Amino acid sequence: MKLERLLEDMQREIDRLQKRVASLEAAEYNRHNAIYLIDGITAPSTASGWAILYVDTSDGDFKVKFGDGTVKTITSDT
């Protein structure tokens, strides 16, 4: 019985480590050295809990829209 218990514990630890490795691989895969944004879109709808970066088609400025609807200009193109 002790051996079976030990093997079960080892398998659980292996499963846990495999999930961790998969998570780390996904994080590494999603690492980017550049982000491409479409140059000019209509201001997006508010998304609660998210901050959205975009280039506003109305004035060409780079903006962030926060989850509460607040919009701030990061920089302008003029």
Protein backbone atom coordinates (compact mmCIF):
# COMPACT_ATOMS: atom_id res chain seq x y z
CA MET A 1 0.00 0.00 0.00
CA LYS A 2 2.82 2.42 0.77
CA LEU A 3 4.32 1.90 -2.67
CA GLU A 4 0.96 2.53 -4.36
CA ARG A 5 0.49 5.72 -2.34
CA LEU A 6 3.99 6.89 -3.25
CA LEU A 7 3.37 6.19 -6.94
CA GLU A 8 0.07 8.10 -6.83
CA ASP A 9 1.78 11.07 -5.17
CA MET A 10 4.55 11.00 -7.76
CA GLN A 11 2.02 10.90 -10.60
CA ARG A 12 0.15 13.89 -9.15
CA GLU A 13 3.42 15.81 -8.94
CA ILE A 14 4.31 14.87 -12.53
CA ASP A 15 0.87 16.05 -13.68
CA ARG A 16 1.29 19.32 -11.78
CA LEU A 17 4.73 19.91 -13.29
CA GLN A 18 3.49 19.10 -16.81
CA LYS A 19 0.77 21.75 -16.42
CA ARG A 20 3.35 24.25 -15.20
CA VAL A 21 5.65 23.52 -18.14
CA ALA A 22 2.72 23.95 -20.56
CA SER A 23 1.88 27.28 -18.93
CA LEU A 24 5.48 28.49 -19.21
CA GLU A 25 5.67 27.37 -22.84
CA ALA A 26 2.48 29.29 -23.62
CA ALA A 27 3.88 32.41 -21.93
CA GLU A 28 7.10 32.11 -23.95
CA TYR A 29 5.14 31.58 -27.17
CA ASN A 30 3.10 34.73 -26.52
CA ARG A 31 6.17 36.94 -26.00
CA HIS A 32 6.53 39.53 -28.74
CA ASN A 33 9.11 42.18 -29.47
CA ALA A 34 6.68 44.36 -31.44
CA ILE A 35 2.95 44.98 -31.48
CA TYR A 36 1.26 46.04 -34.69
CA LEU A 37 -1.87 48.20 -34.47
CA ILE A 38 -4.08 49.25 -37.34
CA ASP A 39 -3.40 52.92 -37.97
CA GLY A 40 -6.80 54.41 -37.41
CA ILE A 41 -9.95 52.78 -36.04
CA THR A 42 -13.19 54.12 -34.65
CA ALA A 43 -12.99 54.40 -30.88
CA PRO A 44 -13.79 50.96 -29.45
CA SER A 45 -16.64 50.25 -27.08
CA THR A 46 -15.86 50.24 -23.39
CA ALA A 47 -14.91 46.81 -22.06
CA SER A 48 -15.19 46.63 -18.28
CA GLY A 49 -12.00 45.29 -16.73
CA TRP A 50 -9.86 45.98 -19.83
CA ALA A 51 -7.67 48.81 -21.08
CA ILE A 52 -7.67 49.10 -24.88
CA LEU A 53 -4.88 50.69 -26.91
CA TYR A 54 -5.80 52.10 -30.33
CA VAL A 55 -4.99 54.73 -32.94
CA ASP A 56 -8.07 56.92 -33.28
CA THR A 57 -9.21 57.47 -36.86
CA SER A 58 -10.76 60.83 -35.99
CA ASP A 59 -7.45 62.52 -35.11
CA GLY A 60 -4.69 59.93 -35.63
CA ASP A 61 -3.71 60.01 -31.96
CA PHE A 62 -2.55 56.96 -29.99
CA LYS A 63 -4.97 56.47 -27.10
CA VAL A 64 -5.95 54.17 -24.27
CA LYS A 65 -9.55 53.55 -23.28
CA PHE A 66 -10.00 52.24 -19.75
CA GLY A 67 -12.68 49.89 -18.47
CA ASP A 68 -14.61 52.76 -16.92
CA GLY A 69 -14.83 54.57 -20.29
CA THR A 70 -12.08 57.10 -19.62
CA VAL A 71 -9.99 57.85 -22.73
CA LYS A 72 -6.47 59.31 -22.50
CA THR A 73 -4.18 60.33 -25.34
CA ILE A 74 -0.78 58.69 -25.01
CA THR A 75 0.77 60.68 -27.84
CA SER A 76 -0.35 62.57 -30.91
CA ASP A 77 0.99 62.36 -34.44
CA THR A 78 1.23 66.12 -34.93
